[in-house]
Amino acid sequence: MYIKRLLLIVALLGLLLGGAFAFMVYSAFFSPNTAFENAQAFVYIPTGASYDEVREQLRPLLKDPESFDAVARRKKYSERVRPGRYPIDKGMNNNDLVNALRSRNTPVRVSFNNQETPEALAGRIASQLEADSLALLTAFTDRAFLEEHGFTDQQALVPYIPNSYEFFWNTSAPEFRARMVQEYERFWTAERRQKAEKLNLSPAEAIALAAIVHKETAKVDERPRVAGVYLNRLRRGMPLQADPTVIFAIKKASGNFDTVIKRVLYRDLELDSPYNTYKYAGLPPGPIFMPDISAVDAVLNPEKHNYLYFVADTSNFGYHLFAENLTQHNRNKEQYVRWLNSQKINR
């Protein structure tokens, strides 16, 4: 009788301990374990990160980091950390958290436009992806890559069409570059290429001209007219005489692209640079700027007219006065020079 009672007690204790253990396991796996109030938080896991690094990021987001450790070890996540950007939802349990960190690498929206140099573009992308600016710049300016795709050193910005794109946060610099080449090829449809060819322009030359058009006018509806002026000049063999190219040449020569120049002076026109379209005929050797798609399409769909000159219209700021001959242009120019002087804009 005593032995039976003892066995019963042992059995009951076993059940209680087993139940307690099961409850502990269940709680570790399935009890909510987040400590943030927002609906969602993001964990950014760098390439090559260790489990300890991931845990350090998670620590302020979890109520009980130790229970997460136990589940991560049990599910072998601690041995298979994956880089990326992972969302975790408020109220997730440890099981859900580990599953999310395994499979929910979520893309980011990467946007860029209007950069003047590969360095500036690299900095812009590095602020949105894991890849650092030096790795990106190296990828952008790699001579073997440029030659493979038919670009010169001065055309390093050409393959990057300004827009918004989805990328995984842990995309490497070469992967980003490869994807942008694909987007470039997708942008240059057969129709766009045919239009460029009819204008005696390659896609890279069309982008170089679009950069000038974009710099000349912020008004999208005026860009086809401005593009028509420059195409008329190219057809006649006239120098483009585009002030934005001179400004770019000044910045490039000084190495300071933060310089603000509101007025091009006569002495600036003597700067010996292939980007100075007053001194050298034809297009500059590469884009002076990363033009919007609207500027590229303006070049490919120019307004047909006989204008050869234009100057800012001070009675309708943002727009320009156009002229077919130099006499008319000089009359238009007088109102602009008077306005510059009245504003005391000397540089």
C-alpha atoms as a PDB file:
ATOM      1  CA  MET A   1       0.000   0.000   0.000  1.00  0.00           C
ATOM      2  CA  TYR A   2       2.798   2.383   0.900  1.00  0.00           C
ATOM      3  CA  ILE A   3       4.616   1.648  -2.359  1.00  0.00           C
ATOM      4  CA  LYS A   4       1.462   2.272  -4.404  1.00  0.00           C
ATOM      5  CA  ARG A   5       0.928   5.572  -2.666  1.00  0.00           C
ATOM      6  CA  LEU A   6       4.545   6.538  -3.300  1.00  0.00           C
ATOM      7  CA  LEU A   7       4.284   5.670  -6.967  1.00  0.00           C
ATOM      8  CA  LEU A   8       1.104   7.698  -7.242  1.00  0.00           C
ATOM      9  CA  ILE A   9       2.779  10.688  -5.649  1.00  0.00           C
ATOM     10  CA  VAL A  10       5.766  10.330  -7.974  1.00  0.00           C
ATOM     11  CA  ALA A  11       3.428  10.072 -10.958  1.00  0.00           C
ATOM     12  CA  LEU A  12       1.532  13.177  -9.885  1.00  0.00           C
ATOM     13  CA  LEU A  13       4.768  15.092  -9.370  1.00  0.00           C
ATOM     14  CA  GLY A  14       5.906  13.948 -12.817  1.00  0.00           C
ATOM     15  CA  LEU A  15       2.685  15.194 -14.343  1.00  0.00           C
ATOM     16  CA  LEU A  16       3.004  18.486 -12.534  1.00  0.00           C
ATOM     17  CA  LEU A  17       6.620  18.910 -13.571  1.00  0.00           C
ATOM     18  CA  GLY A  18       5.843  17.825 -17.103  1.00  0.00           C
ATOM     19  CA  GLY A  19       2.939  20.214 -17.223  1.00  0.00           C
ATOM     20  CA  ALA A  20       5.087  23.014 -15.864  1.00  0.00           C
ATOM     21  CA  PHE A  21       7.776  22.219 -18.412  1.00  0.00           C
ATOM     22  CA  ALA A  22       5.219  22.072 -21.221  1.00  0.00           C
ATOM     23  CA  PHE A  23       3.797  25.376 -20.057  1.00  0.00           C
ATOM     24  CA  MET A  24       7.291  26.904 -20.017  1.00  0.00           C
ATOM     25  CA  VAL A  25       7.980  25.597 -23.526  1.00  0.00           C
ATOM     26  CA  TYR A  26       4.602  26.802 -24.744  1.00  0.00           C
ATOM     27  CA  SER A  27       5.154  30.220 -23.176  1.00  0.00           C
ATOM     28  CA  ALA A  28       8.635  30.485 -24.651  1.00  0.00           C
ATOM     29  CA  PHE A  29       7.331  29.685 -28.105  1.00  0.00           C
ATOM     30  CA  PHE A  30       3.862  31.188 -28.213  1.00  0.00           C
ATOM     31  CA  SER A  31       3.510  34.006 -25.664  1.00  0.00           C
ATOM     32  CA  PRO A  32       3.751  37.570 -27.055  1.00  0.00           C
ATOM     33  CA  ASN A  33       7.295  38.878 -26.618  1.00  0.00           C
ATOM     34  CA  THR A  34       7.508  42.356 -28.113  1.00  0.00           C
ATOM     35  CA  ALA A  35       8.168  45.523 -26.108  1.00  0.00           C
ATOM     36  CA  PHE A  36       7.424  48.277 -28.626  1.00  0.00           C
ATOM     37  CA  GLU A  37       4.192  50.249 -28.998  1.00  0.00           C
ATOM     38  CA  ASN A  38       4.137  50.854 -32.748  1.00  0.00           C
ATOM     39  CA  ALA A  39       2.340  48.388 -34.996  1.00  0.00           C
ATOM     40  CA  GLN A  40       5.630  47.312 -36.563  1.00  0.00           C
ATOM     41  CA  ALA A  41       9.376  47.646 -36.121  1.00  0.00           C
ATOM     42  CA  PHE A  42      12.221  46.835 -38.514  1.00  0.00           C
ATOM     43  CA  VAL A  43      15.436  44.964 -37.882  1.00  0.00           C
ATOM     44  CA  TYR A  44      18.340  45.632 -40.284  1.00  0.00           C
ATOM     45  CA  ILE A  45      20.760  42.701 -40.339  1.00  0.00           C
ATOM     46  CA  PRO A  46      24.064  43.443 -42.134  1.00  0.00           C
ATOM     47  CA  THR A  47      25.735  40.911 -44.386  1.00  0.00           C
ATOM     48  CA  GLY A  48      27.925  38.605 -42.300  1.00  0.00           C
ATOM     49  CA  ALA A  49      26.288  39.610 -39.011  1.00  0.00           C
ATOM     50  CA  SER A  50      26.528  37.146 -36.113  1.00  0.00           C
ATOM     51  CA  TYR A  51      23.611  36.028 -33.975  1.00  0.00           C
ATOM     52  CA  ASP A  52      24.961  38.150 -31.118  1.00  0.00           C
ATOM     53  CA  GLU A  53      24.716  41.243 -33.319  1.00  0.00           C
ATOM     54  CA  VAL A  54      21.121  40.405 -34.236  1.00  0.00           C
ATOM     55  CA  ARG A  55      20.273  39.820 -30.583  1.00  0.00           C
ATOM     56  CA  GLU A  56      21.758  43.211 -29.667  1.00  0.00           C
ATOM     57  CA  GLN A  57      19.420  44.880 -32.163  1.00  0.00           C
ATOM     58  CA  LEU A  58      16.460  42.898 -30.866  1.00  0.00           C
ATOM     59  CA  ARG A  59      17.140  43.489 -27.160  1.00  0.00           C
ATOM     60  CA  PRO A  60      15.209  46.803 -26.847  1.00  0.00           C
ATOM     61  CA  LEU A  61      12.352  45.359 -28.903  1.00  0.00           C
ATOM     62  CA  LEU A  62      11.769  42.270 -26.745  1.00  0.00           C
ATOM     63  CA  LYS A  63      10.222  41.795 -23.310  1.00  0.00           C
ATOM     64  CA  ASP A  64      12.258  38.656 -22.651  1.00  0.00           C
ATOM     65  CA  PRO A  65      15.438  38.302 -24.760  1.00  0.00           C
ATOM     66  CA  GLU A  66      16.415  35.083 -22.918  1.00  0.00           C
ATOM     67  CA  SER A  67      13.290  33.230 -23.994  1.00  0.00           C
ATOM     68  CA  PHE A  68      13.924  34.384 -27.557  1.00  0.00           C
ATOM     69  CA  ASP A  69      17.449  32.969 -27.289  1.00  0.00           C
ATOM     70  CA  ALA A  70      16.070  29.604 -26.242  1.00  0.00           C
ATOM     71  CA  VAL A  71      13.674  29.433 -29.192  1.00  0.00           C
ATOM     72  CA  ALA A  72      16.300  30.713 -31.641  1.00  0.00           C
ATOM     73  CA  ARG A  73      18.659  27.939 -30.526  1.00  0.00           C
ATOM     74  CA  ARG A  74      15.910  25.340 -30.658  1.00  0.00           C
ATOM     75  CA  LYS A  75      14.970  26.349 -34.215  1.00  0.00           C
ATOM     76  CA  LYS A  76      18.672  26.667 -35.144  1.00  0.00           C
ATOM     77  CA  TYR A  77      18.204  30.288 -36.232  1.00  0.00           C
ATOM     78  CA  SER A  78      21.307  31.275 -34.266  1.00  0.00           C
ATOM     79  CA  GLU A  79      23.311  29.160 -36.722  1.00  0.00           C
ATOM     80  CA  ARG A  80      21.679  30.538 -39.874  1.00  0.00           C
ATOM     81  CA  VAL A  81      21.438  34.322 -39.655  1.00  0.00           C
ATOM     82  CA  ARG A  82      20.355  35.944 -42.916  1.00  0.00           C
ATOM     83  CA  PRO A  83      21.028  39.565 -43.907  1.00  0.00           C
ATOM     84  CA  GLY A  84      18.239  41.939 -44.843  1.00  0.00           C
ATOM     85  CA  ARG A  85      15.489  44.208 -43.563  1.00  0.00           C
ATOM     86  CA  TYR A  86      12.939  42.338 -41.523  1.00  0.00           C
ATOM     87  CA  PRO A  87       9.614  43.642 -40.170  1.00  0.00           C
ATOM     88  CA  ILE A  88       8.394  42.361 -36.836  1.00  0.00           C
ATOM     89  CA  ASP A  89       4.849  43.002 -35.701  1.00  0.00           C
ATOM     90  CA  LYS A  90       3.646  44.090 -32.298  1.00  0.00           C
ATOM     91  CA  GLY A  91       2.527  41.095 -30.224  1.00  0.00           C
ATOM     92  CA  MET A  92       4.581  38.493 -32.086  1.00  0.00           C
ATOM     93  CA  ASN A  93       5.698  35.471 -30.109  1.00  0.00           C
ATOM     94  CA  ASN A  94       9.193  34.011 -30.274  1.00  0.00           C
ATOM     95  CA  ASN A  95       8.209  31.398 -32.815  1.00  0.00           C
ATOM     96  CA  ASP A  96       6.769  34.080 -35.103  1.00  0.00           C
ATOM     97  CA  LEU A  97       9.811  36.293 -34.542  1.00  0.00           C
ATOM     98  CA  VAL A  98      12.235  33.584 -35.612  1.00  0.00           C
ATOM     99  CA  ASN A  99      10.103  32.732 -38.648  1.00  0.00           C
ATOM    100  CA  ALA A 100       9.957  36.425 -39.597  1.00  0.00           C
ATOM    101  CA  LEU A 101      13.741  36.770 -39.325  1.00  0.00           C
ATOM    102  CA  ARG A 102      14.126  33.738 -41.558  1.00  0.00           C
ATOM    103  CA  SER A 103      11.716  34.545 -44.346  1.00  0.00           C
ATOM    104  CA  ARG A 104      10.416  38.120 -44.343  1.00  0.00           C
ATOM    105  CA  ASN A 105      13.294  40.016 -45.924  1.00  0.00           C
ATOM    106  CA  THR A 106      11.326  43.035 -47.141  1.00  0.00           C
ATOM    107  CA  PRO A 107      12.352  45.356 -50.001  1.00  0.00           C
ATOM    108  CA  VAL A 108      12.935  49.072 -49.545  1.00  0.00           C
ATOM    109  CA  ARG A 109      11.931  51.787 -51.976  1.00  0.00           C
ATOM    110  CA  VAL A 110      15.096  53.381 -53.393  1.00  0.00           C
ATOM    111  CA  SER A 111      14.704  56.786 -55.052  1.00  0.00           C
ATOM    112  CA  PHE A 112      17.255  59.042 -56.706  1.00  0.00           C
ATOM    113  CA  ASN A 113      17.331  61.916 -59.164  1.00  0.00           C
ATOM    114  CA  ASN A 114      19.235  64.977 -60.306  1.00  0.00           C
ATOM    115  CA  GLN A 115      22.707  64.006 -59.091  1.00  0.00           C
ATOM    116  CA  GLU A 116      25.623  65.788 -60.772  1.00  0.00           C
ATOM    117  CA  THR A 117      28.386  63.266 -60.168  1.00  0.00           C
ATOM    118  CA  PRO A 118      28.896  59.538 -59.526  1.00  0.00           C
ATOM    119  CA  GLU A 119      30.081  60.497 -56.024  1.00  0.00           C
ATOM    120  CA  ALA A 120      26.784  62.230 -55.302  1.00  0.00           C
ATOM    121  CA  LEU A 121      24.803  59.281 -56.644  1.00  0.00           C
ATOM    122  CA  ALA A 122      26.842  56.839 -54.542  1.00  0.00           C
ATOM    123  CA  GLY A 123      26.112  58.892 -51.424  1.00  0.00           C
ATOM    124  CA  ARG A 124      22.412  59.015 -52.212  1.00  0.00           C
ATOM    125  CA  ILE A 125      22.140  55.249 -52.697  1.00  0.00           C
ATOM    126  CA  ALA A 126      24.305  54.466 -49.656  1.00  0.00           C
ATOM    127  CA  SER A 127      21.789  56.329 -47.485  1.00  0.00           C
ATOM    128  CA  GLN A 128      19.117  53.830 -48.564  1.00  0.00           C
ATOM    129  CA  LEU A 129      20.933  50.484 -48.923  1.00  0.00           C
ATOM    130  CA  GLU A 130      23.503  48.526 -46.947  1.00  0.00           C
ATOM    131  CA  ALA A 131      26.241  49.054 -49.576  1.00  0.00           C
ATOM    132  CA  ASP A 132      28.577  51.907 -48.609  1.00  0.00           C
ATOM    133  CA  SER A 133      29.314  54.879 -50.843  1.00  0.00           C
ATOM    134  CA  LEU A 134      32.880  53.806 -51.622  1.00  0.00           C
ATOM    135  CA  ALA A 135      31.776  50.373 -52.854  1.00  0.00           C
ATOM    136  CA  LEU A 136      29.038  51.986 -54.931  1.00  0.00           C
ATOM    137  CA  LEU A 137      31.371  54.600 -56.428  1.00  0.00           C
ATOM    138  CA  THR A 138      33.868  51.877 -57.321  1.00  0.00           C
ATOM    139  CA  ALA A 139      31.097  49.947 -59.066  1.00  0.00           C
ATOM    140  CA  PHE A 140      29.810  53.031 -60.920  1.00  0.00           C
ATOM    141  CA  THR A 141      33.220  54.066 -62.237  1.00  0.00           C
ATOM    142  CA  ASP A 142      34.734  50.638 -62.947  1.00  0.00           C
ATOM    143  CA  ARG A 143      36.313  51.037 -66.365  1.00  0.00           C
ATOM    144  CA  ALA A 144      35.868  47.393 -67.385  1.00  0.00           C
ATOM    145  CA  PHE A 145      32.147  47.641 -66.633  1.00  0.00           C
ATOM    146  CA  LEU A 146      31.784  50.917 -68.542  1.00  0.00           C
ATOM    147  CA  GLU A 147      33.630  49.587 -71.580  1.00  0.00           C
ATOM    148  CA  GLU A 148      31.605  46.372 -71.545  1.00  0.00           C
ATOM    149  CA  HIS A 149      28.408  48.404 -71.870  1.00  0.00           C
ATOM    150  CA  GLY A 150      29.748  50.975 -74.325  1.00  0.00           C
ATOM    151  CA  PHE A 151      30.132  53.915 -71.936  1.00  0.00           C
ATOM    152  CA  THR A 152      33.072  56.241 -71.427  1.00  0.00           C
ATOM    153  CA  ASP A 153      34.349  57.452 -68.052  1.00  0.00           C
ATOM    154  CA  GLN A 154      32.433  60.704 -68.593  1.00  0.00           C
ATOM    155  CA  GLN A 155      29.210  58.738 -69.169  1.00  0.00           C
ATOM    156  CA  ALA A 156      29.297  56.910 -65.833  1.00  0.00           C
ATOM    157  CA  LEU A 157      25.927  58.410 -64.806  1.00  0.00           C
ATOM    158  CA  VAL A 158      24.168  57.384 -68.018  1.00  0.00           C
ATOM    159  CA  PRO A 159      22.957  53.886 -66.970  1.00  0.00           C
ATOM    160  CA  TYR A 160      21.046  55.221 -63.961  1.00  0.00           C
ATOM    161  CA  ILE A 161      17.543  56.341 -64.931  1.00  0.00           C
ATOM    162  CA  PRO A 162      16.081  58.506 -62.111  1.00  0.00           C
ATOM    163  CA  ASN A 163      13.034  56.869 -60.586  1.00  0.00           C
ATOM    164  CA  SER A 164      11.915  54.830 -57.580  1.00  0.00           C
ATOM    165  CA  TYR A 165      12.819  51.145 -57.488  1.00  0.00           C
ATOM    166  CA  GLU A 166      12.388  48.259 -55.061  1.00  0.00           C
ATOM    167  CA  PHE A 167      15.571  46.649 -53.749  1.00  0.00           C
ATOM    168  CA  PHE A 168      16.383  44.368 -50.880  1.00  0.00           C
ATOM    169  CA  TRP A 169      18.237  46.466 -48.308  1.00  0.00           C
ATOM    170  CA  ASN A 170      21.228  44.090 -48.377  1.00  0.00           C
ATOM    171  CA  THR A 171      21.722  44.515 -52.155  1.00  0.00           C
ATOM    172  CA  SER A 172      25.455  44.814 -52.903  1.00  0.00           C
ATOM    173  CA  ALA A 173      26.999  47.542 -55.055  1.00  0.00           C
ATOM    174  CA  PRO A 174      27.563  45.220 -58.079  1.00  0.00           C
ATOM    175  CA  GLU A 175      24.007  43.884 -57.713  1.00  0.00           C
ATOM    176  CA  PHE A 176      22.602  47.411 -57.648  1.00  0.00           C
ATOM    177  CA  ARG A 177      24.615  48.316 -60.751  1.00  0.00           C
ATOM    178  CA  ALA A 178      23.484  45.182 -62.607  1.00  0.00           C
ATOM    179  CA  ARG A 179      19.845  45.884 -61.829  1.00  0.00           C
ATOM    180  CA  MET A 180      20.157  49.479 -63.044  1.00  0.00           C
ATOM    181  CA  VAL A 181      21.621  48.304 -66.349  1.00  0.00           C
ATOM    182  CA  GLN A 182      18.523  46.139 -66.747  1.00  0.00           C
ATOM    183  CA  GLU A 183      16.308  49.143 -66.002  1.00  0.00           C
ATOM    184  CA  TYR A 184      18.289  51.210 -68.506  1.00  0.00           C
ATOM    185  CA  GLU A 185      17.730  48.606 -71.222  1.00  0.00           C
ATOM    186  CA  ARG A 186      14.044  48.423 -70.304  1.00  0.00           C
ATOM    187  CA  PHE A 187      13.748  52.209 -70.514  1.00  0.00           C
ATOM    188  CA  TRP A 188      15.360  52.346 -73.941  1.00  0.00           C
ATOM    189  CA  THR A 189      12.569  50.642 -75.811  1.00  0.00           C
ATOM    190  CA  ALA A 190      12.737  50.092 -79.558  1.00  0.00           C
ATOM    191  CA  GLU A 191      10.502  53.161 -79.992  1.00  0.00           C
ATOM    192  CA  ARG A 192      12.770  55.419 -77.945  1.00  0.00           C
ATOM    193  CA  ARG A 193      15.877  54.122 -79.725  1.00  0.00           C
ATOM    194  CA  GLN A 194      14.287  54.767 -83.128  1.00  0.00           C
ATOM    195  CA  LYS A 195      13.419  58.331 -82.141  1.00  0.00           C
ATOM    196  CA  ALA A 196      16.977  58.953 -80.958  1.00  0.00           C
ATOM    197  CA  GLU A 197      18.392  57.501 -84.180  1.00  0.00           C
ATOM    198  CA  LYS A 198      16.222  59.816 -86.295  1.00  0.00           C
ATOM    199  CA  LEU A 199      17.805  62.724 -84.394  1.00  0.00           C
ATOM    200  CA  ASN A 200      21.309  61.291 -85.008  1.00  0.00           C
ATOM    201  CA  LEU A 201      21.702  60.701 -81.280  1.00  0.00           C
ATOM    202  CA  SER A 202      22.743  57.627 -79.353  1.00  0.00           C
ATOM    203  CA  PRO A 203      20.858  56.951 -76.087  1.00  0.00           C
ATOM    204  CA  ALA A 204      23.836  58.303 -74.117  1.00  0.00           C
ATOM    205  CA  GLU A 205      23.906  61.469 -76.269  1.00  0.00           C
ATOM    206  CA  ALA A 206      20.154  61.926 -75.814  1.00  0.00           C
ATOM    207  CA  ILE A 207      20.665  61.794 -72.045  1.00  0.00           C
ATOM    208  CA  ALA A 208      23.538  64.294 -72.267  1.00  0.00           C
ATOM    209  CA  LEU A 209      21.303  66.707 -74.187  1.00  0.00           C
ATOM    210  CA  ALA A 210      18.372  66.050 -71.826  1.00  0.00           C
ATOM    211  CA  ALA A 211      20.600  67.044 -68.912  1.00  0.00           C
ATOM    212  CA  ILE A 212      21.113  70.462 -70.510  1.00  0.00           C
ATOM    213  CA  VAL A 213      17.403  70.832 -71.298  1.00  0.00           C
ATOM    214  CA  HIS A 214      16.480  69.927 -67.726  1.00  0.00           C
ATOM    215  CA  LYS A 215      18.941  72.462 -66.315  1.00  0.00           C
ATOM    216  CA  GLU A 216      17.674  75.175 -68.634  1.00  0.00           C
ATOM    217  CA  THR A 217      14.018  74.897 -67.659  1.00  0.00           C
ATOM    218  CA  ALA A 218      12.138  73.449 -64.715  1.00  0.00           C
ATOM    219  CA  LYS A 219       8.902  73.745 -66.698  1.00  0.00           C
ATOM    220  CA  VAL A 220       8.100  70.311 -68.091  1.00  0.00           C
ATOM    221  CA  ASP A 221       5.757  71.771 -70.720  1.00  0.00           C
ATOM    222  CA  GLU A 222       8.571  73.998 -72.066  1.00  0.00           C
ATOM    223  CA  ARG A 223      11.209  71.283 -72.355  1.00  0.00           C
ATOM    224  CA  PRO A 224      10.228  70.086 -75.873  1.00  0.00           C
ATOM    225  CA  ARG A 225      10.645  73.670 -77.137  1.00  0.00           C
ATOM    226  CA  VAL A 226      14.056  74.077 -75.479  1.00  0.00           C
ATOM    227  CA  ALA A 227      15.100  70.686 -76.852  1.00  0.00           C
ATOM    228  CA  GLY A 228      14.070  71.888 -80.306  1.00  0.00           C
ATOM    229  CA  VAL A 229      16.383  74.897 -80.005  1.00  0.00           C
ATOM    230  CA  TYR A 230      19.415  72.761 -79.230  1.00  0.00           C
ATOM    231  CA  LEU A 231      18.601  70.217 -81.910  1.00  0.00           C
ATOM    232  CA  ASN A 232      18.296  73.073 -84.450  1.00  0.00           C
ATOM    233  CA  ARG A 233      21.738  74.273 -83.382  1.00  0.00           C
ATOM    234  CA  LEU A 234      23.240  70.798 -83.681  1.00  0.00           C
ATOM    235  CA  ARG A 235      21.794  70.375 -87.173  1.00  0.00           C
ATOM    236  CA  ARG A 236      23.300  73.695 -88.259  1.00  0.00           C
ATOM    237  CA  GLY A 237      26.659  72.967 -86.688  1.00  0.00           C
ATOM    238  CA  MET A 238      26.288  75.873 -84.269  1.00  0.00           C
ATOM    239  CA  PRO A 239      27.782  75.600 -80.766  1.00  0.00           C
ATOM    240  CA  LEU A 240      25.134  74.890 -78.163  1.00  0.00           C
ATOM    241  CA  GLN A 241      26.262  77.830 -75.996  1.00  0.00           C
ATOM    242  CA  ALA A 242      24.434  76.417 -72.962  1.00  0.00           C
ATOM    243  CA  ASP A 243      25.157  78.241 -69.705  1.00  0.00           C
ATOM    244  CA  PRO A 244      24.566  75.109 -67.564  1.00  0.00           C
ATOM    245  CA  THR A 245      27.501  73.407 -69.269  1.00  0.00           C
ATOM    246  CA  VAL A 246      29.765  76.325 -68.377  1.00  0.00           C
ATOM    247  CA  ILE A 247      28.590  76.205 -64.759  1.00  0.00           C
ATOM    248  CA  PHE A 248      29.335  72.477 -64.660  1.00  0.00           C
ATOM    249  CA  ALA A 249      32.782  73.081 -66.176  1.00  0.00           C
ATOM    250  CA  ILE A 250      33.528  75.672 -63.462  1.00  0.00           C
ATOM    251  CA  LYS A 251      32.459  73.280 -60.718  1.00  0.00           C
ATOM    252  CA  LYS A 252      34.420  70.401 -62.201  1.00  0.00           C
ATOM    253  CA  ALA A 253      37.549  72.523 -62.553  1.00  0.00           C
ATOM    254  CA  SER A 254      37.319  73.687 -58.926  1.00  0.00           C
ATOM    255  CA  GLY A 255      36.242  70.296 -57.599  1.00  0.00           C
ATOM    256  CA  ASN A 256      33.492  72.022 -55.613  1.00  0.00           C
ATOM    257  CA  PHE A 257      30.051  70.946 -56.789  1.00  0.00           C
ATOM    258  CA  ASP A 258      28.380  72.847 -53.947  1.00  0.00           C
ATOM    259  CA  THR A 259      29.248  76.139 -55.631  1.00  0.00           C
ATOM    260  CA  VAL A 260      26.173  78.258 -56.448  1.00  0.00           C
ATOM    261  CA  ILE A 261      26.503  80.244 -59.679  1.00  0.00           C
ATOM    262  CA  LYS A 262      23.513  82.338 -60.730  1.00  0.00           C
ATOM    263  CA  ARG A 263      25.162  84.342 -63.490  1.00  0.00           C
ATOM    264  CA  VAL A 264      27.664  83.239 -66.115  1.00  0.00           C
ATOM    265  CA  LEU A 265      30.201  85.969 -66.894  1.00  0.00           C
ATOM    266  CA  TYR A 266      32.021  86.584 -70.166  1.00  0.00           C
ATOM    267  CA  ARG A 267      35.307  85.481 -68.631  1.00  0.00           C
ATOM    268  CA  ASP A 268      33.723  82.124 -67.759  1.00  0.00           C
ATOM    269  CA  LEU A 269      33.158  81.466 -71.447  1.00  0.00           C
ATOM    270  CA  GLU A 270      36.921  81.238 -71.945  1.00  0.00           C
ATOM    271  CA  LEU A 271      37.327  78.288 -69.585  1.00  0.00           C
ATOM    272  CA  ASP A 272      39.081  75.525 -71.495  1.00  0.00           C
ATOM    273  CA  SER A 273      36.916  72.515 -70.787  1.00  0.00           C
ATOM    274  CA  PRO A 274      35.241  69.960 -73.073  1.00  0.00           C
ATOM    275  CA  TYR A 275      32.067  70.751 -71.125  1.00  0.00           C
ATOM    276  CA  ASN A 276      32.191  74.419 -72.187  1.00  0.00           C
ATOM    277  CA  THR A 277      29.763  74.443 -75.110  1.00  0.00           C
ATOM    278  CA  TYR A 278      30.636  78.053 -75.912  1.00  0.00           C
ATOM    279  CA  LYS A 279      34.192  77.007 -76.663  1.00  0.00           C
ATOM    280  CA  TYR A 280      33.578  73.525 -78.100  1.00  0.00           C
ATOM    281  CA  ALA A 281      30.893  72.593 -80.625  1.00  0.00           C
ATOM    282  CA  GLY A 282      28.633  69.607 -80.218  1.00  0.00           C
ATOM    283  CA  LEU A 283      27.498  67.842 -77.088  1.00  0.00           C
ATOM    284  CA  PRO A 284      29.636  67.656 -73.946  1.00  0.00           C
ATOM    285  CA  PRO A 285      31.410  64.320 -73.374  1.00  0.00           C
ATOM    286  CA  GLY A 286      28.838  63.218 -70.818  1.00  0.00           C
ATOM    287  CA  PRO A 287      25.772  64.418 -68.931  1.00  0.00           C
ATOM    288  CA  ILE A 288      26.282  67.410 -66.649  1.00  0.00           C
ATOM    289  CA  PHE A 289      23.420  66.218 -64.516  1.00  0.00           C
ATOM    290  CA  MET A 290      21.057  63.298 -64.087  1.00  0.00           C
ATOM    291  CA  PRO A 291      17.989  64.424 -66.070  1.00  0.00           C
ATOM    292  CA  ASP A 292      14.404  63.479 -65.317  1.00  0.00           C
ATOM    293  CA  ILE A 293      12.615  61.105 -67.672  1.00  0.00           C
ATOM    294  CA  SER A 294      10.477  64.041 -68.829  1.00  0.00           C
ATOM    295  CA  ALA A 295      13.617  65.793 -70.105  1.00  0.00           C
ATOM    296  CA  VAL A 296      14.771  62.694 -71.989  1.00  0.00           C
ATOM    297  CA  ASP A 297      11.348  62.314 -73.580  1.00  0.00           C
ATOM    298  CA  ALA A 298      11.379  66.027 -74.461  1.00  0.00           C
ATOM    299  CA  VAL A 299      14.580  65.478 -76.435  1.00  0.00           C
ATOM    300  CA  LEU A 300      13.078  62.452 -78.172  1.00  0.00           C
ATOM    301  CA  ASN A 301       9.843  64.355 -78.914  1.00  0.00           C
ATOM    302  CA  PRO A 302      11.047  67.920 -79.580  1.00  0.00           C
ATOM    303  CA  GLU A 303       8.863  70.760 -80.707  1.00  0.00           C
ATOM    304  CA  LYS A 304       9.451  71.582 -84.372  1.00  0.00           C
ATOM    305  CA  HIS A 305      10.215  75.268 -84.900  1.00  0.00           C
ATOM    306  CA  ASN A 306      12.918  77.612 -86.216  1.00  0.00           C
ATOM    307  CA  TYR A 307      14.109  79.010 -82.895  1.00  0.00           C
ATOM    308  CA  LEU A 308      17.856  79.182 -82.312  1.00  0.00           C
ATOM    309  CA  TYR A 309      17.998  81.306 -79.156  1.00  0.00           C
ATOM    310  CA  PHE A 310      16.178  81.745 -75.860  1.00  0.00           C
ATOM    311  CA  VAL A 311      16.559  83.760 -72.678  1.00  0.00           C
ATOM    312  CA  ALA A 312      14.695  83.871 -69.359  1.00  0.00           C
ATOM    313  CA  ASP A 313      11.404  85.758 -69.450  1.00  0.00           C
ATOM    314  CA  THR A 314      11.387  88.082 -66.442  1.00  0.00           C
ATOM    315  CA  SER A 315       7.675  88.792 -66.899  1.00  0.00           C
ATOM    316  CA  ASN A 316       6.847  85.095 -66.600  1.00  0.00           C
ATOM    317  CA  PHE A 317       9.435  83.537 -64.323  1.00  0.00           C
ATOM    318  CA  GLY A 318      10.367  79.966 -65.096  1.00  0.00           C
ATOM    319  CA  TYR A 319       9.650  80.371 -68.790  1.00  0.00           C
ATOM    320  CA  HIS A 320      11.704  81.814 -71.654  1.00  0.00           C
ATOM    321  CA  LEU A 321      11.518  84.121 -74.645  1.00  0.00           C
ATOM    322  CA  PHE A 322      12.522  82.448 -77.924  1.00  0.00           C
ATOM    323  CA  ALA A 323      14.020  83.966 -81.062  1.00  0.00           C
ATOM    324  CA  GLU A 324      14.832  82.835 -84.585  1.00  0.00           C
ATOM    325  CA  ASN A 325      17.692  85.280 -85.115  1.00  0.00           C
ATOM    326  CA  LEU A 326      20.356  87.086 -83.115  1.00  0.00           C
ATOM    327  CA  THR A 327      18.813  90.548 -83.524  1.00  0.00           C
ATOM    328  CA  GLN A 328      15.555  89.418 -81.955  1.00  0.00           C
ATOM    329  CA  HIS A 329      17.433  87.500 -79.282  1.00  0.00           C
ATOM    330  CA  ASN A 330      19.508  90.521 -78.268  1.00  0.00           C
ATOM    331  CA  ARG A 331      16.313  92.535 -77.771  1.00  0.00           C
ATOM    332  CA  ASN A 332      14.922  89.765 -75.573  1.00  0.00           C
ATOM    333  CA  LYS A 333      18.189  89.551 -73.709  1.00  0.00           C
ATOM    334  CA  GLU A 334      18.096  93.217 -72.692  1.00  0.00           C
ATOM    335  CA  GLN A 335      15.166  92.689 -70.314  1.00  0.00           C
ATOM    336  CA  TYR A 336      16.982  89.798 -68.634  1.00  0.00           C
ATOM    337  CA  VAL A 337      20.255  91.717 -68.178  1.00  0.00           C
ATOM    338  CA  ARG A 338      18.357  94.671 -66.712  1.00  0.00           C
ATOM    339  CA  TRP A 339      16.662  92.343 -64.248  1.00  0.00           C
ATOM    340  CA  LEU A 340      19.974  90.715 -63.234  1.00  0.00           C
ATOM    341  CA  ASN A 341      21.496  94.127 -62.618  1.00  0.00           C
ATOM    342  CA  SER A 342      18.447  95.311 -60.656  1.00  0.00           C
ATOM    343  CA  GLN A 343      18.779  92.247 -58.410  1.00  0.00           C
ATOM    344  CA  LYS A 344      22.539  92.854 -58.093  1.00  0.00           C
ATOM    345  CA  ILE A 345      23.252  89.316 -59.223  1.00  0.00           C
ATOM    346  CA  ASN A 346      26.911  89.482 -60.188  1.00  0.00           C
ATOM    347  CA  ARG A 347      27.755  85.787 -59.914  1.00  0.00           C
END
